[in-house]
């Protein structure tokens, strides 16, 4: 099921802009202190580095991703998620705007 609304949060109004505007996100914080980000990646092929483990949830559009150490590209569509280990990286290929929620943890 695709997440289409998140209630009872605070939103960082200043956007985080990466890769010359190819990725734009806003941080959100839940009442319990849990942090996530909500954003969009525009058509591009990019490499993201992780500090903490992440779960990328596709809410619209699609992407292909390749985890560090893998040779396989895997498609992620609305309602699907993929996990990225902490202190790692992943490549992402986007041909249409990819809307996501990044769950840190």
PDB file of N, CA and C in Angstrom:
ATOM      1  N   UNK A   1       0.842  -1.172   0.000  1.00  0.00           N
ATOM      2  CA  UNK A   1       0.000   0.000   0.000  1.00  0.00           C
ATOM      3  C   UNK A   1       0.892   1.243   0.000  1.00  0.00           C
ATOM      4  N   UNK A   2       0.541   2.219  -0.803  1.00  0.00           N
ATOM      5  CA  UNK A   2       1.316   3.437  -0.919  1.00  0.00           C
ATOM      6  C   UNK A   2       0.910   4.436   0.154  1.00  0.00           C
ATOM      7  N   UNK A   3       1.887   5.028   0.817  1.00  0.00           N
ATOM      8  CA  UNK A   3       1.621   6.081   1.794  1.00  0.00           C
ATOM      9  C   UNK A   3       1.272   7.351   1.031  1.00  0.00           C
ATOM     10  N   UNK A   4       0.083   7.925   1.269  1.00  0.00           N
ATOM     11  CA  UNK A   4      -0.288   9.142   0.557  1.00  0.00           C
ATOM     12  C   UNK A   4      -0.470  10.340   1.477  1.00  0.00           C
ATOM     13  N   UNK A   5      -0.410  10.116   2.793  1.00  0.00           N
ATOM     14  CA  UNK A   5      -0.590  11.194   3.751  1.00  0.00           C
ATOM     15  C   UNK A   5       0.092  10.817   5.051  1.00  0.00           C
ATOM     16  N   UNK A   6       0.738  11.788   5.690  1.00  0.00           N
ATOM     17  CA  UNK A   6       1.371  11.563   6.990  1.00  0.00           C
ATOM     18  C   UNK A   6       0.837  12.623   7.941  1.00  0.00           C
ATOM     19  N   UNK A   7       0.201  12.198   9.031  1.00  0.00           N
ATOM     20  CA  UNK A   7      -0.391  13.119   9.992  1.00  0.00           C
ATOM     21  C   UNK A   7       0.525  13.342  11.195  1.00  0.00           C
ATOM     22  N   UNK A   8       0.266  14.427  11.929  1.00  0.00           N
ATOM     23  CA  UNK A   8       0.892  14.721  13.218  1.00  0.00           C
ATOM     24  C   UNK A   8       2.410  14.757  13.165  1.00  0.00           C
ATOM     25  N   UNK A   9       2.937  15.586  12.277  1.00  0.00           N
ATOM     26  CA  UNK A   9       4.384  15.734  12.129  1.00  0.00           C
ATOM     27  C   UNK A   9       4.756  17.209  12.130  1.00  0.00           C
ATOM     28  N   UNK A  10       6.043  17.475  12.302  1.00  0.00           N
ATOM     29  CA  UNK A  10       6.557  18.809  12.017  1.00  0.00           C
ATOM     30  C   UNK A  10       7.419  18.681  10.766  1.00  0.00           C
ATOM     31  N   UNK A  11       7.425  19.730   9.954  1.00  0.00           N
ATOM     32  CA  UNK A  11       8.117  19.719   8.670  1.00  0.00           C
ATOM     33  C   UNK A  11       9.186  20.807   8.677  1.00  0.00           C
ATOM     34  N   UNK A  12      10.377  20.458   8.212  1.00  0.00           N
ATOM     35  CA  UNK A  12      11.425  21.440   7.997  1.00  0.00           C
ATOM     36  C   UNK A  12      11.087  22.160   6.702  1.00  0.00           C
ATOM     37  N   UNK A  13      10.843  23.455   6.789  1.00  0.00           N
ATOM     38  CA  UNK A  13      10.381  24.180   5.601  1.00  0.00           C
ATOM     39  C   UNK A  13      11.499  24.460   4.610  1.00  0.00           C
ATOM     40  N   UNK A  14      12.735  24.499   5.071  1.00  0.00           N
ATOM     41  CA  UNK A  14      13.865  24.689   4.157  1.00  0.00           C
ATOM     42  C   UNK A  14      14.157  23.354   3.479  1.00  0.00           C
ATOM     43  N   UNK A  15      14.082  23.333   2.160  1.00  0.00           N
ATOM     44  CA  UNK A  15      14.325  22.099   1.413  1.00  0.00           C
ATOM     45  C   UNK A  15      15.807  21.764   1.401  1.00  0.00           C
ATOM     46  N   UNK A  16      16.115  20.485   1.369  1.00  0.00           N
ATOM     47  CA  UNK A  16      17.470  20.003   1.104  1.00  0.00           C
ATOM     48  C   UNK A  16      17.531  19.745  -0.394  1.00  0.00           C
ATOM     49  N   UNK A  17      18.468  20.400  -1.069  1.00  0.00           N
ATOM     50  CA  UNK A  17      18.587  20.292  -2.511  1.00  0.00           C
ATOM     51  C   UNK A  17      19.937  19.659  -2.831  1.00  0.00           C
ATOM     52  N   UNK A  18      19.918  18.560  -3.572  1.00  0.00           N
ATOM     53  CA  UNK A  18      21.129  17.805  -3.897  1.00  0.00           C
ATOM     54  C   UNK A  18      21.279  17.692  -5.412  1.00  0.00           C
ATOM     55  N   UNK A  19      22.494  17.431  -5.837  1.00  0.00           N
ATOM     56  CA  UNK A  19      22.769  17.132  -7.248  1.00  0.00           C
ATOM     57  C   UNK A  19      22.198  18.205  -8.182  1.00  0.00           C
ATOM     58  N   UNK A  20      22.513  19.468  -7.878  1.00  0.00           N
ATOM     59  CA  UNK A  20      22.074  20.591  -8.722  1.00  0.00           C
ATOM     60  C   UNK A  20      20.570  20.581  -8.968  1.00  0.00           C
ATOM     61  N   UNK A  21      19.798  20.225  -7.945  1.00  0.00           N
ATOM     62  CA  UNK A  21      18.347  20.254  -8.049  1.00  0.00           C
ATOM     63  C   UNK A  21      17.710  18.974  -8.542  1.00  0.00           C
ATOM     64  N   UNK A  22      18.500  17.935  -8.780  1.00  0.00           N
ATOM     65  CA  UNK A  22      17.932  16.659  -9.245  1.00  0.00           C
ATOM     66  C   UNK A  22      17.231  15.902  -8.121  1.00  0.00           C
ATOM     67  N   UNK A  23      17.522  16.268  -6.857  1.00  0.00           N
ATOM     68  CA  UNK A  23      16.853  15.661  -5.701  1.00  0.00           C
ATOM     69  C   UNK A  23      16.527  16.774  -4.710  1.00  0.00           C
ATOM     70  N   UNK A  24      15.258  16.863  -4.328  1.00  0.00           N
ATOM     71  CA  UNK A  24      14.807  17.866  -3.369  1.00  0.00           C
ATOM     72  C   UNK A  24      13.971  17.143  -2.316  1.00  0.00           C
ATOM     73  N   UNK A  25      14.278  17.400  -1.033  1.00  0.00           N
ATOM     74  CA  UNK A  25      13.526  16.731   0.031  1.00  0.00           C
ATOM     75  C   UNK A  25      13.288  17.681   1.197  1.00  0.00           C
ATOM     76  N   UNK A  26      12.319  17.307   2.028  1.00  0.00           N
ATOM     77  CA  UNK A  26      12.017  18.016   3.266  1.00  0.00           C
ATOM     78  C   UNK A  26      12.076  17.017   4.408  1.00  0.00           C
ATOM     79  N   UNK A  27      12.687  17.406   5.509  1.00  0.00           N
ATOM     80  CA  UNK A  27      12.731  16.572   6.701  1.00  0.00           C
ATOM     81  C   UNK A  27      11.427  16.667   7.460  1.00  0.00           C
ATOM     82  N   UNK A  28      10.992  15.544   7.998  1.00  0.00           N
ATOM     83  CA  UNK A  28       9.810  15.512   8.843  1.00  0.00           C
ATOM     84  C   UNK A  28      10.170  14.814  10.146  1.00  0.00           C
ATOM     85  N   UNK A  29       9.547  15.260  11.232  1.00  0.00           N
ATOM     86  CA  UNK A  29       9.796  14.677  12.554  1.00  0.00           C
ATOM     87  C   UNK A  29       8.458  14.340  13.192  1.00  0.00           C
ATOM     88  N   UNK A  30       8.347  13.124  13.694  1.00  0.00           N
ATOM     89  CA  UNK A  30       7.153  12.661  14.386  1.00  0.00           C
ATOM     90  C   UNK A  30       7.220  13.049  15.858  1.00  0.00           C
ATOM     91  N   UNK A  31       6.090  12.999  16.537  1.00  0.00           N
ATOM     92  CA  UNK A  31       6.004  13.362  17.953  1.00  0.00           C
ATOM     93  C   UNK A  31       6.975  12.558  18.808  1.00  0.00           C
ATOM     94  N   UNK A  32       7.263  11.306  18.414  1.00  0.00           N
ATOM     95  CA  UNK A  32       8.176  10.463  19.190  1.00  0.00           C
ATOM     96  C   UNK A  32       9.652  10.712  18.847  1.00  0.00           C
ATOM     97  N   UNK A  33       9.916  11.673  17.946  1.00  0.00           N
ATOM     98  CA  UNK A  33      11.288  12.008  17.578  1.00  0.00           C
ATOM     99  C   UNK A  33      11.796  11.295  16.336  1.00  0.00           C
ATOM    100  N   UNK A  34      11.026  10.350  15.802  1.00  0.00           N
ATOM    101  CA  UNK A  34      11.416   9.645  14.586  1.00  0.00           C
ATOM    102  C   UNK A  34      11.539  10.639  13.438  1.00  0.00           C
ATOM    103  N   UNK A  35      12.613  10.509  12.658  1.00  0.00           N
ATOM    104  CA  UNK A  35      12.840  11.407  11.530  1.00  0.00           C
ATOM    105  C   UNK A  35      12.778  10.641  10.215  1.00  0.00           C
ATOM    106  N   UNK A  36      12.207  11.298   9.215  1.00  0.00           N
ATOM    107  CA  UNK A  36      12.130  10.770   7.857  1.00  0.00           C
ATOM    108  C   UNK A  36      12.334  11.951   6.918  1.00  0.00           C
ATOM    109  N   UNK A  37      12.465  11.676   5.644  1.00  0.00           N
ATOM    110  CA  UNK A  37      12.430  12.755   4.671  1.00  0.00           C
ATOM    111  C   UNK A  37      11.475  12.365   3.554  1.00  0.00           C
ATOM    112  N   UNK A  38      10.886  13.378   2.950  1.00  0.00           N
ATOM    113  CA  UNK A  38       9.948  13.204   1.850  1.00  0.00           C
ATOM    114  C   UNK A  38      10.477  14.037   0.695  1.00  0.00           C
ATOM    115  N   UNK A  39      10.596  13.434  -0.484  1.00  0.00           N
ATOM    116  CA  UNK A  39      11.164  14.196  -1.581  1.00  0.00           C
ATOM    117  C   UNK A  39      10.896  13.606  -2.939  1.00  0.00           C
ATOM    118  N   UNK A  40      11.596  14.179  -3.912  1.00  0.00           N
ATOM    119  CA  UNK A  40      11.473  13.741  -5.298  1.00  0.00           C
ATOM    120  C   UNK A  40      12.856  13.761  -5.939  1.00  0.00           C
ATOM    121  N   UNK A  41      13.107  12.740  -6.763  1.00  0.00           N
ATOM    122  CA  UNK A  41      14.314  12.692  -7.587  1.00  0.00           C
ATOM    123  C   UNK A  41      13.847  12.863  -9.032  1.00  0.00           C
ATOM    124  N   UNK A  42      14.426  13.834  -9.721  1.00  0.00           N
ATOM    125  CA  UNK A  42      14.093  14.080 -11.122  1.00  0.00           C
ATOM    126  C   UNK A  42      14.957  13.195 -12.013  1.00  0.00           C
ATOM    127  N   UNK A  43      14.587  13.037 -13.283  1.00  0.00           N
ATOM    128  CA  UNK A  43      15.331  12.128 -14.161  1.00  0.00           C
ATOM    129  C   UNK A  43      16.849  12.369 -14.129  1.00  0.00           C
ATOM    130  N   UNK A  44      17.573  11.305 -13.767  1.00  0.00           N
ATOM    131  CA  UNK A  44      19.031  11.348 -13.632  1.00  0.00           C
ATOM    132  C   UNK A  44      19.513   9.974 -13.196  1.00  0.00           C
ATOM    133  N   UNK A  45      20.824   9.789 -13.200  1.00  0.00           N
ATOM    134  CA  UNK A  45      21.469   8.638 -12.566  1.00  0.00           C
ATOM    135  C   UNK A  45      22.391   9.220 -11.507  1.00  0.00           C
ATOM    136  N   UNK A  46      22.144   8.854 -10.237  1.00  0.00           N
ATOM    137  CA  UNK A  46      22.833   9.470  -9.104  1.00  0.00           C
ATOM    138  C   UNK A  46      23.351   8.403  -8.149  1.00  0.00           C
ATOM    139  N   UNK A  47      24.322   8.779  -7.308  1.00  0.00           N
ATOM    140  CA  UNK A  47      24.818   7.911  -6.246  1.00  0.00           C
ATOM    141  C   UNK A  47      24.582   8.597  -4.905  1.00  0.00           C
ATOM    142  N   UNK A  48      23.876   7.917  -4.017  1.00  0.00           N
ATOM    143  CA  UNK A  48      23.608   8.417  -2.674  1.00  0.00           C
ATOM    144  C   UNK A  48      24.432   7.627  -1.667  1.00  0.00           C
ATOM    145  N   UNK A  49      25.021   8.307  -0.709  1.00  0.00           N
ATOM    146  CA  UNK A  49      25.737   7.674   0.395  1.00  0.00           C
ATOM    147  C   UNK A  49      24.835   7.682   1.621  1.00  0.00           C
ATOM    148  N   UNK A  50      24.935   6.632   2.438  1.00  0.00           N
ATOM    149  CA  UNK A  50      24.132   6.545   3.650  1.00  0.00           C
ATOM    150  C   UNK A  50      25.021   6.612   4.884  1.00  0.00           C
ATOM    151  N   UNK A  51      24.495   7.218   5.938  1.00  0.00           N
ATOM    152  CA  UNK A  51      25.126   7.164   7.250  1.00  0.00           C
ATOM    153  C   UNK A  51      24.416   6.070   8.032  1.00  0.00           C
ATOM    154  N   UNK A  52      23.152   6.350   8.374  1.00  0.00           N
ATOM    155  CA  UNK A  52      22.300   5.365   9.045  1.00  0.00           C
ATOM    156  C   UNK A  52      21.632   4.488   7.984  1.00  0.00           C
ATOM    157  N   UNK A  53      21.167   3.309   8.379  1.00  0.00           N
ATOM    158  CA  UNK A  53      20.392   2.495   7.446  1.00  0.00           C
ATOM    159  C   UNK A  53      19.156   3.266   6.984  1.00  0.00           C
ATOM    160  N   UNK A  54      18.728   3.016   5.759  1.00  0.00           N
ATOM    161  CA  UNK A  54      17.571   3.701   5.190  1.00  0.00           C
ATOM    162  C   UNK A  54      16.646   2.699   4.516  1.00  0.00           C
ATOM    163  N   UNK A  55      15.369   3.036   4.531  1.00  0.00           N
ATOM    164  CA  UNK A  55      14.383   2.326   3.726  1.00  0.00           C
ATOM    165  C   UNK A  55      13.771   3.373   2.806  1.00  0.00           C
ATOM    166  N   UNK A  56      13.875   3.139   1.509  1.00  0.00           N
ATOM    167  CA  UNK A  56      13.317   4.045   0.511  1.00  0.00           C
ATOM    168  C   UNK A  56      11.964   3.492   0.075  1.00  0.00           C
ATOM    169  N   UNK A  57      10.916   4.286   0.283  1.00  0.00           N
ATOM    170  CA  UNK A  57       9.559   3.896  -0.084  1.00  0.00           C
ATOM    171  C   UNK A  57       9.120   4.732  -1.280  1.00  0.00           C
ATOM    172  N   UNK A  58       8.731   4.084  -2.353  1.00  0.00           N
ATOM    173  CA  UNK A  58       8.248   4.773  -3.553  1.00  0.00           C
ATOM    174  C   UNK A  58       6.775   5.109  -3.371  1.00  0.00           C
ATOM    175  N   UNK A  59       6.426   6.391  -3.512  1.00  0.00           N
ATOM    176  CA  UNK A  59       5.020   6.791  -3.411  1.00  0.00           C
ATOM    177  C   UNK A  59       4.434   7.187  -4.763  1.00  0.00           C
ATOM    178  N   UNK A  60       5.277   7.520  -5.740  1.00  0.00           N
ATOM    179  CA  UNK A  60       4.811   7.801  -7.102  1.00  0.00           C
ATOM    180  C   UNK A  60       6.011   7.740  -8.035  1.00  0.00           C
ATOM    181  N   UNK A  61       5.746   7.486  -9.306  1.00  0.00           N
ATOM    182  CA  UNK A  61       6.829   7.336 -10.264  1.00  0.00           C
ATOM    183  C   UNK A  61       7.497   5.986 -10.074  1.00  0.00           C
ATOM    184  N   UNK A  62       8.745   5.887 -10.476  1.00  0.00           N
ATOM    185  CA  UNK A  62       9.496   4.650 -10.278  1.00  0.00           C
ATOM    186  C   UNK A  62      10.970   4.950 -10.427  1.00  0.00           C
ATOM    187  N   UNK A  63      11.778   3.982 -10.047  1.00  0.00           N
ATOM    188  CA  UNK A  63      13.225   4.100 -10.208  1.00  0.00           C
ATOM    189  C   UNK A  63      13.802   2.707 -10.383  1.00  0.00           C
ATOM    190  N   UNK A  64      15.056   2.655 -10.751  1.00  0.00           N
ATOM    191  CA  UNK A  64      15.847   1.442 -10.664  1.00  0.00           C
ATOM    192  C   UNK A  64      16.986   1.772  -9.716  1.00  0.00           C
ATOM    193  N   UNK A  65      17.335   0.827  -8.849  1.00  0.00           N
ATOM    194  CA  UNK A  65      18.412   1.061  -7.897  1.00  0.00           C
ATOM    195  C   UNK A  65      19.387  -0.104  -7.925  1.00  0.00           C
ATOM    196  N   UNK A  66      20.606   0.196  -7.518  1.00  0.00           N
ATOM    197  CA  UNK A  66      21.667  -0.809  -7.436  1.00  0.00           C
ATOM    198  C   UNK A  66      22.407  -0.554  -6.131  1.00  0.00           C
ATOM    199  N   UNK A  67      22.348  -1.524  -5.228  1.00  0.00           N
ATOM    200  CA  UNK A  67      23.041  -1.393  -3.949  1.00  0.00           C
ATOM    201  C   UNK A  67      24.543  -1.565  -4.133  1.00  0.00           C
ATOM    202  N   UNK A  68      25.321  -0.917  -3.274  1.00  0.00           N
ATOM    203  CA  UNK A  68      26.775  -1.046  -3.321  1.00  0.00           C
ATOM    204  C   UNK A  68      27.153  -2.524  -3.257  1.00  0.00           C
ATOM    205  N   UNK A  69      28.054  -2.934  -4.138  1.00  0.00           N
ATOM    206  CA  UNK A  69      28.514  -4.312  -4.163  1.00  0.00           C
ATOM    207  C   UNK A  69      27.675  -5.232  -5.025  1.00  0.00           C
ATOM    208  N   UNK A  70      26.572  -4.708  -5.582  1.00  0.00           N
ATOM    209  CA  UNK A  70      25.704  -5.520  -6.440  1.00  0.00           C
ATOM    210  C   UNK A  70      25.871  -5.073  -7.883  1.00  0.00           C
ATOM    211  N   UNK A  71      25.673  -6.000  -8.804  1.00  0.00           N
ATOM    212  CA  UNK A  71      25.674  -5.659 -10.223  1.00  0.00           C
ATOM    213  C   UNK A  71      24.258  -5.584 -10.780  1.00  0.00           C
ATOM    214  N   UNK A  72      23.262  -5.872  -9.928  1.00  0.00           N
ATOM    215  CA  UNK A  72      21.876  -5.957 -10.383  1.00  0.00           C
ATOM    216  C   UNK A  72      21.138  -4.635 -10.192  1.00  0.00           C
ATOM    217  N   UNK A  73      20.444  -4.201 -11.232  1.00  0.00           N
ATOM    218  CA  UNK A  73      19.527  -3.064 -11.130  1.00  0.00           C
ATOM    219  C   UNK A  73      18.141  -3.629 -10.854  1.00  0.00           C
ATOM    220  N   UNK A  74      17.444  -3.068  -9.857  1.00  0.00           N
ATOM    221  CA  UNK A  74      16.132  -3.554  -9.435  1.00  0.00           C
ATOM    222  C   UNK A  74      15.137  -2.400  -9.535  1.00  0.00           C
ATOM    223  N   UNK A  75      13.963  -2.669 -10.083  1.00  0.00           N
ATOM    224  CA  UNK A  75      12.938  -1.629 -10.222  1.00  0.00           C
ATOM    225  C   UNK A  75      12.145  -1.495  -8.934  1.00  0.00           C
ATOM    226  N   UNK A  76      11.822  -0.249  -8.578  1.00  0.00           N
ATOM    227  CA  UNK A  76      10.960   0.046  -7.435  1.00  0.00           C
ATOM    228  C   UNK A  76       9.826   0.933  -7.921  1.00  0.00           C
ATOM    229  N   UNK A  77       8.592   0.502  -7.695  1.00  0.00           N
ATOM    230  CA  UNK A  77       7.384   1.184  -8.150  1.00  0.00           C
ATOM    231  C   UNK A  77       6.540   1.593  -6.948  1.00  0.00           C
ATOM    232  N   UNK A  78       5.469   2.375  -7.149  1.00  0.00           N
ATOM    233  CA  UNK A  78       4.642   2.810  -6.023  1.00  0.00           C
ATOM    234  C   UNK A  78       4.209   1.652  -5.125  1.00  0.00           C
ATOM    235  N   UNK A  79       4.354   1.880  -3.823  1.00  0.00           N
ATOM    236  CA  UNK A  79       4.006   0.868  -2.828  1.00  0.00           C
ATOM    237  C   UNK A  79       5.142  -0.069  -2.492  1.00  0.00           C
ATOM    238  N   UNK A  80       6.261   0.024  -3.212  1.00  0.00           N
ATOM    239  CA  UNK A  80       7.411  -0.850  -2.953  1.00  0.00           C
ATOM    240  C   UNK A  80       8.480  -0.095  -2.182  1.00  0.00           C
ATOM    241  N   UNK A  81       9.289  -0.848  -1.442  1.00  0.00           N
ATOM    242  CA  UNK A  81      10.366  -0.294  -0.627  1.00  0.00           C
ATOM    243  C   UNK A  81      11.645  -1.074  -0.886  1.00  0.00           C
ATOM    244  N   UNK A  82      12.782  -0.411  -0.648  1.00  0.00           N
ATOM    245  CA  UNK A  82      14.051  -1.135  -0.630  1.00  0.00           C
ATOM    246  C   UNK A  82      14.910  -0.606   0.492  1.00  0.00           C
ATOM    247  N   UNK A  83      15.722  -1.490   1.043  1.00  0.00           N
ATOM    248  CA  UNK A  83      16.561  -1.169   2.203  1.00  0.00           C
ATOM    249  C   UNK A  83      18.005  -0.973   1.785  1.00  0.00           C
ATOM    250  N   UNK A  84      18.640   0.009   2.411  1.00  0.00           N
ATOM    251  CA  UNK A  84      20.044   0.308   2.157  1.00  0.00           C
ATOM    252  C   UNK A  84      20.764   0.263   3.499  1.00  0.00           C
ATOM    253  N   UNK A  85      21.864  -0.493   3.615  1.00  0.00           N
ATOM    254  CA  UNK A  85      22.592  -0.545   4.881  1.00  0.00           C
ATOM    255  C   UNK A  85      23.200   0.814   5.234  1.00  0.00           C
ATOM    256  N   UNK A  86      23.509   0.996   6.517  1.00  0.00           N
ATOM    257  CA  UNK A  86      24.209   2.193   6.957  1.00  0.00           C
ATOM    258  C   UNK A  86      25.650   2.184   6.464  1.00  0.00           C
ATOM    259  N   UNK A  87      26.237   3.360   6.354  1.00  0.00           N
ATOM    260  CA  UNK A  87      27.618   3.517   5.892  1.00  0.00           C
ATOM    261  C   UNK A  87      27.856   2.775   4.580  1.00  0.00           C
ATOM    262  N   UNK A  88      26.945   2.973   3.650  1.00  0.00           N
ATOM    263  CA  UNK A  88      27.013   2.319   2.353  1.00  0.00           C
ATOM    264  C   UNK A  88      26.611   3.323   1.287  1.00  0.00           C
ATOM    265  N   UNK A  89      26.168   2.825   0.136  1.00  0.00           N
ATOM    266  CA  UNK A  89      25.697   3.705  -0.927  1.00  0.00           C
ATOM    267  C   UNK A  89      24.797   2.916  -1.862  1.00  0.00           C
ATOM    268  N   UNK A  90      24.091   3.664  -2.703  1.00  0.00           N
ATOM    269  CA  UNK A  90      23.311   3.040  -3.757  1.00  0.00           C
ATOM    270  C   UNK A  90      23.249   3.986  -4.942  1.00  0.00           C
ATOM    271  N   UNK A  91      23.161   3.394  -6.130  1.00  0.00           N
ATOM    272  CA  UNK A  91      22.957   4.157  -7.350  1.00  0.00           C
ATOM    273  C   UNK A  91      21.472   4.108  -7.669  1.00  0.00           C
ATOM    274  N   UNK A  92      20.961   5.193  -8.230  1.00  0.00           N
ATOM    275  CA  UNK A  92      19.551   5.243  -8.599  1.00  0.00           C
ATOM    276  C   UNK A  92      19.440   5.828 -10.004  1.00  0.00           C
ATOM    277  N   UNK A  93      18.609   5.171 -10.822  1.00  0.00           N
ATOM    278  CA  UNK A  93      18.315   5.654 -12.179  1.00  0.00           C
ATOM    279  C   UNK A  93      16.845   6.021 -12.220  1.00  0.00           C
ATOM    280  N   UNK A  94      16.561   7.244 -12.650  1.00  0.00           N
ATOM    281  CA  UNK A  94      15.197   7.746 -12.674  1.00  0.00           C
ATOM    282  C   UNK A  94      14.907   8.299 -14.069  1.00  0.00           C
ATOM    283  N   UNK A  95      13.806   7.859 -14.680  1.00  0.00           N
ATOM    284  CA  UNK A  95      13.426   8.368 -15.995  1.00  0.00           C
ATOM    285  C   UNK A  95      12.149   9.209 -15.932  1.00  0.00           C
ATOM    286  N   UNK A  96      11.462   9.178 -14.798  1.00  0.00           N
ATOM    287  CA  UNK A  96      10.292  10.008 -14.539  1.00  0.00           C
ATOM    288  C   UNK A  96      10.416  10.431 -13.079  1.00  0.00           C
ATOM    289  N   UNK A  97       9.794  11.532 -12.647  1.00  0.00           N
ATOM    290  CA  UNK A  97       9.950  11.927 -11.244  1.00  0.00           C
ATOM    291  C   UNK A  97       9.617  10.775 -10.291  1.00  0.00           C
ATOM    292  N   UNK A  98      10.556  10.512  -9.371  1.00  0.00           N
ATOM    293  CA  UNK A  98      10.432   9.439  -8.374  1.00  0.00           C
ATOM    294  C   UNK A  98      10.161  10.110  -7.026  1.00  0.00           C
ATOM    295  N   UNK A  99       8.942   9.946  -6.517  1.00  0.00           N
ATOM    296  CA  UNK A  99       8.550  10.528  -5.236  1.00  0.00           C
ATOM    297  C   UNK A  99       8.764   9.477  -4.151  1.00  0.00           C
ATOM    298  N   UNK A 100       9.390   9.885  -3.060  1.00  0.00           N
ATOM    299  CA  UNK A 100       9.764   8.894  -2.055  1.00  0.00           C
ATOM    300  C   UNK A 100       9.598   9.407  -0.624  1.00  0.00           C
ATOM    301  N   UNK A 101       9.568   8.455   0.280  1.00  0.00           N
ATOM    302  CA  UNK A 101       9.742   8.700   1.708  1.00  0.00           C
ATOM    303  C   UNK A 101      10.984   7.916   2.100  1.00  0.00           C
ATOM    304  N   UNK A 102      11.927   8.580   2.741  1.00  0.00           N
ATOM    305  CA  UNK A 102      13.120   7.908   3.253  1.00  0.00           C
ATOM    306  C   UNK A 102      12.942   7.718   4.746  1.00  0.00           C
ATOM    307  N   UNK A 103      12.908   6.450   5.163  1.00  0.00           N
ATOM    308  CA  UNK A 103      12.762   6.084   6.581  1.00  0.00           C
ATOM    309  C   UNK A 103      14.174   5.820   7.112  1.00  0.00           C
ATOM    310  N   UNK A 104      14.597   6.607   8.087  1.00  0.00           N
ATOM    311  CA  UNK A 104      15.924   6.417   8.678  1.00  0.00           C
ATOM    312  C   UNK A 104      15.809   5.466   9.856  1.00  0.00           C
ATOM    313  N   UNK A 105      16.822   4.635  10.037  1.00  0.00           N
ATOM    314  CA  UNK A 105      16.704   3.766  11.180  1.00  0.00           C
ATOM    315  C   UNK A 105      17.804   2.825  11.273  1.00  0.00           C
TER     316      UNK A 105
END
